[in-house]
């Protein structure tokens, strides 16, 4: 067991160290600048994901609505998609493609030009997250995709204005990378909202 744990942690460290690559830093910087500008304009940030990615999306939104590191800064409008279980199950029950279009439906209801969508998918295959990306484009919402580096990553990233690629194809390690990315981007928005 100890050897397995050490190996797992070593793999995590390898991914985190690989994120310090200039190409990755450039991707993260571009996204940070986009989100900092959104924070200054008090645009709404929507974050879409399924399962563990939805939990990460909700975590990201909570950091912005509450506070991340800077105490006393203004609350930032942010929400995870799908917005509610009631909407997801109602839409999913009433329409054949309901699950695939529920996030799209939330964006149609709430999104406005100038807002930003962060779309999270470890594999890049999530049909509902992809639908949200396409809808965001139609609504004039800026888009940032975050994924691992699996075979559908490039295709997924091409749907967005910007793409952050976690340097791993292992779901657990991609999700560990998400945490670091979410905290860096939260800090960028924190500082921008506070005028730092």
N, C-alpha and C. Protein backbone atom coordinates (compact mmCIF):
# COMPACT_ATOMS: atom_id res chain seq x y z
N UNK A 1 0.83 -1.21 0.00
CA UNK A 1 0.00 0.00 0.00
C UNK A 1 0.87 1.26 0.00
N UNK A 2 1.89 1.27 0.84
CA UNK A 2 2.75 2.45 0.92
C UNK A 2 3.41 2.75 -0.43
N UNK A 3 3.86 1.70 -1.10
CA UNK A 3 4.51 1.88 -2.40
C UNK A 3 3.52 2.44 -3.43
N UNK A 4 2.28 1.94 -3.41
CA UNK A 4 1.25 2.44 -4.31
C UNK A 4 0.98 3.92 -4.06
N UNK A 5 0.87 4.29 -2.79
CA UNK A 5 0.60 5.69 -2.44
C UNK A 5 1.74 6.58 -2.90
N UNK A 6 2.95 6.16 -2.68
CA UNK A 6 4.11 6.94 -3.12
C UNK A 6 4.09 7.12 -4.64
N UNK A 7 3.75 6.05 -5.36
CA UNK A 7 3.70 6.12 -6.82
C UNK A 7 2.62 7.10 -7.28
N UNK A 8 1.45 7.01 -6.65
CA UNK A 8 0.36 7.92 -7.02
C UNK A 8 0.76 9.37 -6.80
N UNK A 9 1.35 9.64 -5.64
CA UNK A 9 1.77 11.01 -5.34
C UNK A 9 2.87 11.48 -6.29
N UNK A 10 3.75 10.58 -6.66
CA UNK A 10 4.81 10.94 -7.61
C UNK A 10 4.21 11.30 -8.96
N UNK A 11 3.19 10.55 -9.40
CA UNK A 11 2.52 10.86 -10.66
C UNK A 11 1.83 12.23 -10.58
N UNK A 12 1.23 12.53 -9.44
CA UNK A 12 0.61 13.84 -9.24
C UNK A 12 1.66 14.95 -9.36
N UNK A 13 2.78 14.77 -8.68
CA UNK A 13 3.86 15.76 -8.74
C UNK A 13 4.38 15.95 -10.15
N UNK A 14 4.47 14.87 -10.90
CA UNK A 14 4.95 14.95 -12.28
C UNK A 14 4.03 15.83 -13.12
N UNK A 15 2.71 15.67 -12.94
CA UNK A 15 1.76 16.49 -13.68
C UNK A 15 1.87 17.95 -13.26
N UNK A 16 1.91 18.20 -11.96
CA UNK A 16 2.00 19.58 -11.47
C UNK A 16 3.29 20.25 -11.95
N UNK A 17 4.39 19.52 -11.92
CA UNK A 17 5.65 20.08 -12.42
C UNK A 17 5.57 20.38 -13.91
N UNK A 18 4.91 19.51 -14.67
CA UNK A 18 4.76 19.73 -16.11
C UNK A 18 3.92 20.96 -16.40
N UNK A 19 3.07 21.37 -15.46
CA UNK A 19 2.24 22.56 -15.62
C UNK A 19 3.07 23.84 -15.51
N UNK A 20 4.31 23.73 -15.09
CA UNK A 20 5.18 24.90 -15.00
C UNK A 20 5.93 25.15 -16.31
N UNK A 21 5.51 24.47 -17.37
CA UNK A 21 6.07 24.62 -18.70
C UNK A 21 5.64 25.96 -19.31
N UNK A 22 6.49 26.64 -20.07
CA UNK A 22 6.12 27.95 -20.65
C UNK A 22 4.83 27.92 -21.48
N UNK A 23 4.60 26.85 -22.24
CA UNK A 23 3.38 26.76 -23.06
C UNK A 23 2.15 26.73 -22.16
N UNK A 24 2.20 25.95 -21.09
CA UNK A 24 1.07 25.86 -20.17
C UNK A 24 0.87 27.20 -19.46
N UNK A 25 1.95 27.82 -19.01
CA UNK A 25 1.86 29.12 -18.34
C UNK A 25 1.23 30.15 -19.27
N UNK A 26 1.57 30.07 -20.56
CA UNK A 26 0.98 30.99 -21.53
C UNK A 26 -0.52 30.78 -21.65
N UNK A 27 -0.97 29.52 -21.68
CA UNK A 27 -2.41 29.22 -21.73
C UNK A 27 -3.11 29.77 -20.48
N UNK A 28 -2.50 29.55 -19.34
CA UNK A 28 -3.09 29.98 -18.07
C UNK A 28 -3.11 31.50 -17.97
N UNK A 29 -2.06 32.15 -18.45
CA UNK A 29 -1.99 33.62 -18.42
C UNK A 29 -3.08 34.24 -19.28
N UNK A 30 -3.27 33.69 -20.49
CA UNK A 30 -4.32 34.21 -21.37
C UNK A 30 -5.69 34.08 -20.72
N UNK A 31 -5.96 32.93 -20.12
CA UNK A 31 -7.24 32.73 -19.44
C UNK A 31 -7.37 33.67 -18.24
N UNK A 32 -6.28 33.82 -17.49
CA UNK A 32 -6.29 34.73 -16.34
C UNK A 32 -6.60 36.15 -16.73
N UNK A 33 -6.06 36.59 -17.86
CA UNK A 33 -6.32 37.95 -18.34
C UNK A 33 -7.77 38.12 -18.76
N UNK A 34 -8.31 37.11 -19.44
CA UNK A 34 -9.72 37.15 -19.85
C UNK A 34 -10.63 37.23 -18.63
N UNK A 35 -10.34 36.41 -17.62
CA UNK A 35 -11.19 36.38 -16.43
C UNK A 35 -10.99 37.61 -15.55
N UNK A 36 -9.79 38.16 -15.53
CA UNK A 36 -9.56 39.39 -14.78
C UNK A 36 -10.38 40.54 -15.39
N UNK A 37 -10.39 40.61 -16.72
CA UNK A 37 -11.20 41.64 -17.38
C UNK A 37 -12.68 41.44 -17.09
N UNK A 38 -13.13 40.19 -17.08
CA UNK A 38 -14.53 39.90 -16.76
C UNK A 38 -14.87 40.33 -15.34
N UNK A 39 -13.93 40.09 -14.41
CA UNK A 39 -14.15 40.48 -13.01
C UNK A 39 -14.27 42.00 -12.89
N UNK A 40 -13.43 42.72 -13.61
CA UNK A 40 -13.47 44.19 -13.56
C UNK A 40 -14.79 44.73 -14.12
N UNK A 41 -15.36 44.02 -15.09
CA UNK A 41 -16.62 44.45 -15.70
C UNK A 41 -17.84 43.85 -15.00
N UNK A 42 -17.58 43.01 -13.99
CA UNK A 42 -18.63 42.28 -13.27
C UNK A 42 -19.50 41.46 -14.21
N UNK A 43 -18.86 40.92 -15.24
CA UNK A 43 -19.53 39.98 -16.13
C UNK A 43 -19.74 38.67 -15.37
N UNK A 44 -20.70 37.88 -15.79
CA UNK A 44 -20.98 36.61 -15.13
C UNK A 44 -20.06 35.53 -15.68
N UNK A 45 -19.51 34.74 -14.78
CA UNK A 45 -18.72 33.58 -15.16
C UNK A 45 -19.58 32.33 -14.99
N UNK A 46 -19.76 31.60 -16.06
CA UNK A 46 -20.44 30.31 -16.03
C UNK A 46 -19.37 29.24 -16.15
N UNK A 47 -19.50 28.17 -15.37
CA UNK A 47 -18.53 27.07 -15.42
C UNK A 47 -19.32 25.78 -15.61
N UNK A 48 -19.03 25.06 -16.70
CA UNK A 48 -19.78 23.85 -17.03
C UNK A 48 -18.94 22.61 -16.84
N UNK A 49 -19.56 21.57 -16.30
CA UNK A 49 -18.87 20.29 -16.13
C UNK A 49 -19.82 19.21 -15.68
N UNK A 50 -19.40 17.96 -15.80
CA UNK A 50 -20.18 16.80 -15.36
C UNK A 50 -19.47 16.09 -14.22
N UNK A 51 -20.21 15.54 -13.30
CA UNK A 51 -19.62 14.71 -12.25
C UNK A 51 -18.57 15.47 -11.44
N UNK A 52 -17.36 14.90 -11.41
CA UNK A 52 -16.26 15.56 -10.69
C UNK A 52 -15.95 16.93 -11.26
N UNK A 53 -16.11 17.08 -12.57
CA UNK A 53 -15.87 18.39 -13.20
C UNK A 53 -16.94 19.39 -12.77
N UNK A 54 -18.19 18.91 -12.55
CA UNK A 54 -19.21 19.82 -12.04
C UNK A 54 -18.84 20.25 -10.61
N UNK A 55 -18.34 19.31 -9.81
CA UNK A 55 -17.92 19.65 -8.45
C UNK A 55 -16.82 20.70 -8.49
N UNK A 56 -15.89 20.57 -9.44
CA UNK A 56 -14.84 21.58 -9.60
C UNK A 56 -15.44 22.91 -10.07
N UNK A 57 -16.42 22.84 -10.97
CA UNK A 57 -17.10 24.05 -11.44
C UNK A 57 -17.79 24.77 -10.28
N UNK A 58 -18.47 24.01 -9.44
CA UNK A 58 -19.17 24.60 -8.30
C UNK A 58 -18.18 25.19 -7.30
N UNK A 59 -17.06 24.50 -7.09
CA UNK A 59 -15.99 25.00 -6.23
C UNK A 59 -15.48 26.33 -6.76
N UNK A 60 -15.21 26.42 -8.07
CA UNK A 60 -14.72 27.64 -8.69
C UNK A 60 -15.73 28.77 -8.47
N UNK A 61 -17.00 28.51 -8.76
CA UNK A 61 -18.03 29.54 -8.60
C UNK A 61 -18.12 30.02 -7.15
N UNK A 62 -18.01 29.09 -6.21
CA UNK A 62 -18.10 29.46 -4.80
C UNK A 62 -16.93 30.35 -4.37
N UNK A 63 -15.74 30.08 -4.89
CA UNK A 63 -14.57 30.92 -4.57
C UNK A 63 -14.83 32.36 -4.98
N UNK A 64 -15.58 32.56 -6.06
CA UNK A 64 -15.80 33.90 -6.60
C UNK A 64 -16.98 34.59 -5.95
N UNK A 65 -18.05 33.85 -5.68
CA UNK A 65 -19.21 34.47 -5.02
C UNK A 65 -18.89 34.81 -3.57
N UNK A 66 -18.16 33.94 -2.91
CA UNK A 66 -17.78 34.20 -1.51
C UNK A 66 -16.51 35.04 -1.53
N UNK A 67 -15.39 34.40 -1.30
CA UNK A 67 -14.10 35.11 -1.43
C UNK A 67 -13.01 34.06 -1.56
N UNK A 68 -11.94 34.44 -2.20
CA UNK A 68 -10.83 33.50 -2.34
C UNK A 68 -9.77 33.85 -1.31
N UNK A 69 -8.91 34.81 -1.60
CA UNK A 69 -7.88 35.19 -0.64
C UNK A 69 -8.06 36.62 -0.13
N UNK A 70 -8.55 37.50 -0.97
CA UNK A 70 -8.66 38.92 -0.60
C UNK A 70 -9.97 39.15 0.15
N UNK A 71 -9.84 39.54 1.39
CA UNK A 71 -11.02 39.78 2.24
C UNK A 71 -11.66 41.11 1.86
N UNK A 72 -12.97 41.12 1.85
CA UNK A 72 -13.70 42.36 1.65
C UNK A 72 -13.88 42.76 0.19
N UNK A 73 -13.42 41.95 -0.76
CA UNK A 73 -13.64 42.33 -2.15
C UNK A 73 -15.10 42.08 -2.53
N UNK A 74 -15.53 42.74 -3.60
CA UNK A 74 -16.90 42.61 -4.07
C UNK A 74 -17.16 41.16 -4.50
N UNK A 75 -18.39 40.70 -4.30
CA UNK A 75 -18.79 39.37 -4.76
C UNK A 75 -18.82 39.36 -6.28
N UNK A 76 -18.35 38.26 -6.87
CA UNK A 76 -18.30 38.16 -8.33
C UNK A 76 -19.40 37.22 -8.82
N UNK A 77 -20.19 37.65 -9.82
CA UNK A 77 -21.26 36.80 -10.32
C UNK A 77 -20.71 35.56 -11.02
N UNK A 78 -21.07 34.40 -10.53
CA UNK A 78 -20.55 33.15 -11.07
C UNK A 78 -21.49 32.01 -10.70
N UNK A 79 -21.61 31.05 -11.62
CA UNK A 79 -22.45 29.89 -11.33
C UNK A 79 -22.02 28.69 -12.15
N UNK A 80 -22.17 27.52 -11.53
CA UNK A 80 -21.87 26.27 -12.20
C UNK A 80 -23.08 25.83 -13.03
N UNK A 81 -22.79 25.26 -14.20
CA UNK A 81 -23.83 24.69 -15.05
C UNK A 81 -23.77 23.17 -14.99
N UNK A 82 -24.89 22.48 -14.87
CA UNK A 82 -26.23 23.04 -14.80
C UNK A 82 -26.48 23.75 -13.47
N UNK A 83 -27.34 24.76 -13.54
CA UNK A 83 -27.55 25.63 -12.39
C UNK A 83 -28.29 24.93 -11.26
N UNK A 84 -29.29 24.12 -11.61
CA UNK A 84 -30.05 23.43 -10.55
C UNK A 84 -30.45 22.04 -10.97
N UNK A 85 -30.60 21.18 -9.99
CA UNK A 85 -31.07 19.81 -10.24
C UNK A 85 -32.50 19.83 -10.74
N UNK A 86 -33.31 20.78 -10.28
CA UNK A 86 -34.70 20.88 -10.73
C UNK A 86 -34.76 21.14 -12.23
N UNK A 87 -33.96 22.09 -12.70
CA UNK A 87 -33.95 22.40 -14.13
C UNK A 87 -33.42 21.22 -14.93
N UNK A 88 -32.33 20.63 -14.45
CA UNK A 88 -31.72 19.49 -15.15
C UNK A 88 -32.71 18.34 -15.31
N UNK A 89 -33.41 18.00 -14.23
CA UNK A 89 -34.32 16.85 -14.30
C UNK A 89 -35.60 17.20 -15.06
N UNK A 90 -36.09 18.43 -14.93
CA UNK A 90 -37.29 18.83 -15.68
C UNK A 90 -37.00 18.82 -17.18
N UNK A 91 -35.91 19.46 -17.57
CA UNK A 91 -35.53 19.53 -18.98
C UNK A 91 -35.20 18.13 -19.50
N UNK A 92 -34.49 17.34 -18.71
CA UNK A 92 -34.12 15.99 -19.11
C UNK A 92 -35.33 15.08 -19.27
N UNK A 93 -36.35 15.29 -18.45
CA UNK A 93 -37.56 14.47 -18.51
C UNK A 93 -38.44 14.85 -19.70
N UNK A 94 -38.47 16.14 -20.03
CA UNK A 94 -39.41 16.64 -21.02
C UNK A 94 -38.90 16.58 -22.46
N UNK A 95 -37.60 16.46 -22.63
CA UNK A 95 -37.02 16.47 -23.98
C UNK A 95 -36.09 15.28 -24.16
N UNK A 96 -36.14 14.67 -25.34
CA UNK A 96 -35.32 13.49 -25.61
C UNK A 96 -33.83 13.75 -25.45
N UNK A 97 -33.40 14.95 -25.83
CA UNK A 97 -31.98 15.29 -25.70
C UNK A 97 -31.74 16.17 -24.48
N UNK A 98 -32.63 16.07 -23.51
CA UNK A 98 -32.62 16.99 -22.36
C UNK A 98 -31.30 17.06 -21.62
N UNK A 99 -30.69 15.90 -21.35
CA UNK A 99 -29.43 15.93 -20.62
C UNK A 99 -28.35 16.62 -21.44
N UNK A 100 -28.36 16.38 -22.74
CA UNK A 100 -27.33 16.96 -23.61
C UNK A 100 -27.51 18.46 -23.82
N UNK A 101 -28.72 18.97 -23.60
CA UNK A 101 -28.96 20.39 -23.87
C UNK A 101 -29.30 21.21 -22.62
N UNK A 102 -29.22 20.61 -21.44
CA UNK A 102 -29.60 21.32 -20.21
C UNK A 102 -28.69 22.52 -19.93
N UNK A 103 -27.38 22.36 -20.12
CA UNK A 103 -26.46 23.48 -19.88
C UNK A 103 -26.68 24.57 -20.91
N UNK A 104 -26.92 24.15 -22.14
CA UNK A 104 -27.23 25.09 -23.21
C UNK A 104 -28.46 25.92 -22.82
N UNK A 105 -29.47 25.25 -22.28
CA UNK A 105 -30.71 25.91 -21.89
C UNK A 105 -30.45 26.94 -20.79
N UNK A 106 -29.62 26.58 -19.81
CA UNK A 106 -29.27 27.52 -18.74
C UNK A 106 -28.57 28.76 -19.31
N UNK A 107 -27.67 28.55 -20.26
CA UNK A 107 -26.97 29.69 -20.87
C UNK A 107 -27.94 30.57 -21.64
N UNK A 108 -28.87 29.96 -22.36
CA UNK A 108 -29.87 30.74 -23.10
C UNK A 108 -30.67 31.62 -22.14
N UNK A 109 -30.94 31.11 -20.96
CA UNK A 109 -31.73 31.86 -19.98
C UNK A 109 -30.93 32.97 -19.30
N UNK A 110 -29.65 32.70 -18.99
CA UNK A 110 -28.89 33.58 -18.11
C UNK A 110 -27.73 34.33 -18.78
N UNK A 111 -27.18 33.78 -19.86
CA UNK A 111 -25.96 34.34 -20.44
C UNK A 111 -26.19 35.58 -21.28
N UNK A 112 -25.22 36.48 -21.23
CA UNK A 112 -25.27 37.72 -21.99
C UNK A 112 -23.91 37.97 -22.64
N UNK A 113 -23.92 38.75 -23.73
CA UNK A 113 -22.67 39.13 -24.37
C UNK A 113 -21.75 39.77 -23.34
N UNK A 114 -20.49 39.37 -23.36
CA UNK A 114 -19.52 39.89 -22.39
C UNK A 114 -19.28 38.95 -21.23
N UNK A 115 -20.19 37.99 -21.02
CA UNK A 115 -19.97 36.98 -19.99
C UNK A 115 -18.89 36.00 -20.46
N UNK A 116 -18.49 35.09 -19.59
CA UNK A 116 -17.46 34.10 -19.92
C UNK A 116 -17.95 32.72 -19.49
N UNK A 117 -17.70 31.73 -20.34
CA UNK A 117 -17.97 30.33 -20.01
C UNK A 117 -16.64 29.59 -19.91
N UNK A 118 -16.43 28.92 -18.78
CA UNK A 118 -15.31 27.98 -18.64
C UNK A 118 -15.91 26.59 -18.73
N UNK A 119 -15.48 25.82 -19.71
CA UNK A 119 -16.01 24.48 -19.96
C UNK A 119 -14.97 23.45 -19.56
N UNK A 120 -15.33 22.57 -18.63
CA UNK A 120 -14.38 21.59 -18.09
C UNK A 120 -14.80 20.19 -18.51
N UNK A 121 -13.87 19.45 -19.11
CA UNK A 121 -14.13 18.05 -19.47
C UNK A 121 -12.80 17.31 -19.47
N UNK A 122 -12.65 16.33 -18.61
CA UNK A 122 -11.37 15.61 -18.55
C UNK A 122 -11.05 14.97 -19.89
N UNK A 123 -12.04 14.40 -20.55
CA UNK A 123 -11.82 13.69 -21.83
C UNK A 123 -12.04 14.57 -23.03
N UNK A 124 -12.82 15.63 -22.87
CA UNK A 124 -13.21 16.46 -24.00
C UNK A 124 -14.42 15.91 -24.75
N UNK A 125 -15.00 14.81 -24.26
CA UNK A 125 -16.10 14.14 -24.97
C UNK A 125 -17.49 14.57 -24.50
N UNK A 126 -17.61 15.31 -23.43
CA UNK A 126 -18.92 15.60 -22.85
C UNK A 126 -19.82 16.38 -23.81
N UNK A 127 -20.88 15.74 -24.29
CA UNK A 127 -21.74 16.35 -25.29
C UNK A 127 -22.46 17.59 -24.77
N UNK A 128 -22.87 17.55 -23.49
CA UNK A 128 -23.58 18.70 -22.95
C UNK A 128 -22.65 19.90 -22.75
N UNK A 129 -21.40 19.64 -22.40
CA UNK A 129 -20.44 20.74 -22.24
C UNK A 129 -20.09 21.31 -23.61
N UNK A 130 -19.96 20.43 -24.60
CA UNK A 130 -19.72 20.89 -25.97
C UNK A 130 -20.89 21.75 -26.47
N UNK A 131 -22.12 21.33 -26.17
CA UNK A 131 -23.29 22.11 -26.58
C UNK A 131 -23.28 23.49 -25.92
N UNK A 132 -22.85 23.54 -24.67
CA UNK A 132 -22.75 24.84 -23.97
C UNK A 132 -21.72 25.74 -24.66
N UNK A 133 -20.59 25.17 -25.07
CA UNK A 133 -19.57 25.96 -25.78
C UNK A 133 -20.13 26.56 -27.06
N UNK A 134 -20.85 25.75 -27.83
CA UNK A 134 -21.39 26.24 -29.09
C UNK A 134 -22.45 27.32 -28.86
N UNK A 135 -23.28 27.14 -27.84
CA UNK A 135 -24.30 28.13 -27.51
C UNK A 135 -23.67 29.43 -27.05
N UNK A 136 -22.62 29.32 -26.25
CA UNK A 136 -21.92 30.52 -25.77
C UNK A 136 -21.43 31.35 -26.95
N UNK A 137 -20.86 30.68 -27.95
CA UNK A 137 -20.40 31.39 -29.15
C UNK A 137 -21.54 32.17 -29.78
N UNK A 138 -22.70 31.52 -29.92
CA UNK A 138 -23.87 32.17 -30.54
C UNK A 138 -24.33 33.38 -29.74
N UNK A 139 -24.12 33.36 -28.43
CA UNK A 139 -24.58 34.44 -27.55
C UNK A 139 -23.53 35.54 -27.35
N UNK A 140 -22.36 35.37 -27.95
CA UNK A 140 -21.30 36.38 -27.77
C UNK A 140 -20.60 36.26 -26.43
N UNK A 141 -20.62 35.05 -25.87
CA UNK A 141 -19.96 34.79 -24.59
C UNK A 141 -18.57 34.24 -24.88
N UNK A 142 -17.54 34.80 -24.24
CA UNK A 142 -16.19 34.30 -24.40
C UNK A 142 -16.09 32.91 -23.79
N UNK A 143 -15.21 32.07 -24.35
CA UNK A 143 -15.13 30.69 -23.89
C UNK A 143 -13.70 30.25 -23.62
N UNK A 144 -13.56 29.48 -22.54
CA UNK A 144 -12.29 28.88 -22.16
C UNK A 144 -12.56 27.40 -21.89
N UNK A 145 -11.86 26.53 -22.58
CA UNK A 145 -11.99 25.08 -22.36
C UNK A 145 -10.82 24.61 -21.50
N UNK A 146 -11.10 23.68 -20.60
CA UNK A 146 -10.05 23.05 -19.79
C UNK A 146 -10.25 21.55 -19.91
N UNK A 147 -9.19 20.84 -20.28
CA UNK A 147 -9.28 19.39 -20.43
C UNK A 147 -7.93 18.76 -20.16
N UNK A 148 -7.92 17.42 -20.22
CA UNK A 148 -6.67 16.69 -20.22
C UNK A 148 -6.12 16.67 -21.64
N UNK A 149 -5.10 15.86 -21.85
CA UNK A 149 -4.47 15.83 -23.17
C UNK A 149 -4.79 14.56 -23.96
N UNK A 150 -5.98 14.00 -23.70
CA UNK A 150 -6.40 12.78 -24.39
C UNK A 150 -6.70 13.03 -25.86
N UNK A 151 -7.12 12.00 -26.59
CA UNK A 151 -7.29 12.09 -28.03
C UNK A 151 -8.35 13.10 -28.49
N UNK A 152 -9.36 13.39 -27.68
CA UNK A 152 -10.39 14.35 -28.10
C UNK A 152 -10.16 15.75 -27.53
N UNK A 153 -9.03 15.94 -26.88
CA UNK A 153 -8.72 17.23 -26.28
C UNK A 153 -8.62 18.34 -27.31
N UNK A 154 -7.93 18.09 -28.42
CA UNK A 154 -7.73 19.12 -29.44
C UNK A 154 -9.06 19.55 -30.05
N UNK A 155 -9.90 18.58 -30.35
CA UNK A 155 -11.22 18.85 -30.91
C UNK A 155 -12.07 19.66 -29.94
N UNK A 156 -12.03 19.30 -28.67
CA UNK A 156 -12.76 20.03 -27.64
C UNK A 156 -12.26 21.46 -27.53
N UNK A 157 -10.95 21.61 -27.46
CA UNK A 157 -10.37 22.94 -27.34
C UNK A 157 -10.66 23.84 -28.52
N UNK A 158 -10.82 23.25 -29.71
CA UNK A 158 -11.10 24.03 -30.91
C UNK A 158 -12.46 24.70 -30.86
N UNK A 159 -13.35 24.22 -29.98
CA UNK A 159 -14.67 24.82 -29.83
C UNK A 159 -14.62 26.11 -29.01
N UNK A 160 -13.50 26.36 -28.33
CA UNK A 160 -13.38 27.49 -27.42
C UNK A 160 -12.42 28.55 -27.96
N UNK A 161 -12.51 29.74 -27.37
CA UNK A 161 -11.57 30.81 -27.72
C UNK A 161 -10.18 30.51 -27.19
N UNK A 162 -10.13 29.88 -26.02
CA UNK A 162 -8.86 29.54 -25.37
C UNK A 162 -8.95 28.12 -24.83
N UNK A 163 -7.80 27.46 -24.73
CA UNK A 163 -7.79 26.08 -24.26
C UNK A 163 -6.63 25.87 -23.29
N UNK A 164 -6.96 25.42 -22.10
CA UNK A 164 -5.94 25.05 -21.10
C UNK A 164 -5.90 23.53 -21.08
N UNK A 165 -4.72 22.97 -21.37
CA UNK A 165 -4.56 21.52 -21.46
C UNK A 165 -3.74 21.01 -20.29
N UNK A 166 -4.38 20.29 -19.37
CA UNK A 166 -3.66 19.67 -18.27
C UNK A 166 -2.80 18.55 -18.87
N UNK A 167 -1.49 18.51 -18.58
CA UNK A 167 -0.60 17.55 -19.24
C UNK A 167 -0.70 16.14 -18.68
N UNK A 168 -1.88 15.53 -18.86
CA UNK A 168 -2.10 14.15 -18.41
C UNK A 168 -3.31 13.59 -19.14
N UNK A 169 -3.37 12.27 -19.26
CA UNK A 169 -4.55 11.61 -19.80
C UNK A 169 -5.25 10.76 -18.72
N UNK A 170 -4.75 10.83 -17.48
CA UNK A 170 -5.33 10.08 -16.36
C UNK A 170 -6.34 10.99 -15.63
N UNK A 171 -7.58 10.53 -15.55
CA UNK A 171 -8.65 11.36 -14.99
C UNK A 171 -8.30 11.96 -13.63
N UNK A 172 -7.80 11.14 -12.71
CA UNK A 172 -7.49 11.63 -11.36
C UNK A 172 -6.46 12.75 -11.41
N UNK A 173 -5.44 12.60 -12.23
CA UNK A 173 -4.38 13.61 -12.28
C UNK A 173 -4.83 14.87 -13.03
N UNK A 174 -5.72 14.69 -14.01
CA UNK A 174 -6.30 15.86 -14.67
C UNK A 174 -7.10 16.66 -13.64
N UNK A 175 -7.89 15.97 -12.84
CA UNK A 175 -8.70 16.66 -11.83
C UNK A 175 -7.83 17.33 -10.77
N UNK A 176 -6.72 16.73 -10.43
CA UNK A 176 -5.78 17.38 -9.49
C UNK A 176 -5.22 18.64 -10.12
N UNK A 177 -4.96 18.58 -11.42
CA UNK A 177 -4.50 19.78 -12.13
C UNK A 177 -5.55 20.87 -12.15
N UNK A 178 -6.84 20.46 -12.27
CA UNK A 178 -7.92 21.44 -12.24
C UNK A 178 -7.87 22.30 -10.99
N UNK A 179 -7.61 21.65 -9.86
CA UNK A 179 -7.60 22.39 -8.59
C UNK A 179 -6.59 23.53 -8.64
N UNK A 180 -5.40 23.23 -9.14
CA UNK A 180 -4.37 24.27 -9.23
C UNK A 180 -4.81 25.38 -10.19
N UNK A 181 -5.37 25.00 -11.33
CA UNK A 181 -5.82 25.98 -12.31
C UNK A 181 -6.94 26.86 -11.74
N UNK A 182 -7.91 26.23 -11.09
CA UNK A 182 -9.02 26.98 -10.50
C UNK A 182 -8.51 27.98 -9.48
N UNK A 183 -7.55 27.59 -8.67
CA UNK A 183 -7.04 28.51 -7.66
C UNK A 183 -6.24 29.65 -8.27
N UNK A 184 -5.46 29.36 -9.31
CA UNK A 184 -4.74 30.44 -9.99
C UNK A 184 -5.72 31.42 -10.62
N UNK A 185 -6.73 30.91 -11.31
CA UNK A 185 -7.70 31.79 -11.97
C UNK A 185 -8.55 32.54 -10.95
N UNK A 186 -8.87 31.91 -9.84
CA UNK A 186 -9.59 32.61 -8.77
C UNK A 186 -8.76 33.78 -8.24
N UNK A 187 -7.47 33.55 -8.09
CA UNK A 187 -6.57 34.60 -7.60
C UNK A 187 -6.50 35.75 -8.60
N UNK A 188 -6.47 35.44 -9.89
CA UNK A 188 -6.45 36.50 -10.92
C UNK A 188 -7.71 37.35 -10.82
N UNK A 189 -8.85 36.70 -10.65
CA UNK A 189 -10.12 37.44 -10.56
C UNK A 189 -10.23 38.20 -9.25
N UNK A 190 -9.75 37.58 -8.17
CA UNK A 190 -9.70 38.21 -6.85
C UNK A 190 -8.97 39.55 -6.94
N UNK A 191 -7.77 39.51 -7.50
CA UNK A 191 -6.93 40.71 -7.60
C UNK A 191 -7.58 41.77 -8.49
N UNK A 192 -8.15 41.33 -9.61
CA UNK A 192 -8.77 42.28 -10.51
C UNK A 192 -9.97 42.96 -9.87
N UNK A 193 -10.79 42.19 -9.15
CA UNK A 193 -11.97 42.75 -8.49
C UNK A 193 -11.59 43.72 -7.38
N UNK A 194 -10.43 43.50 -6.79
CA UNK A 194 -9.95 44.34 -5.67
C UNK A 194 -9.13 45.53 -6.18
N UNK A 195 -8.89 45.55 -7.49
CA UNK A 195 -8.08 46.63 -8.06
C UNK A 195 -6.60 46.45 -7.88
N UNK A 196 -6.14 45.21 -7.64
CA UNK A 196 -4.71 44.96 -7.45
C UNK A 196 -3.99 44.81 -8.78
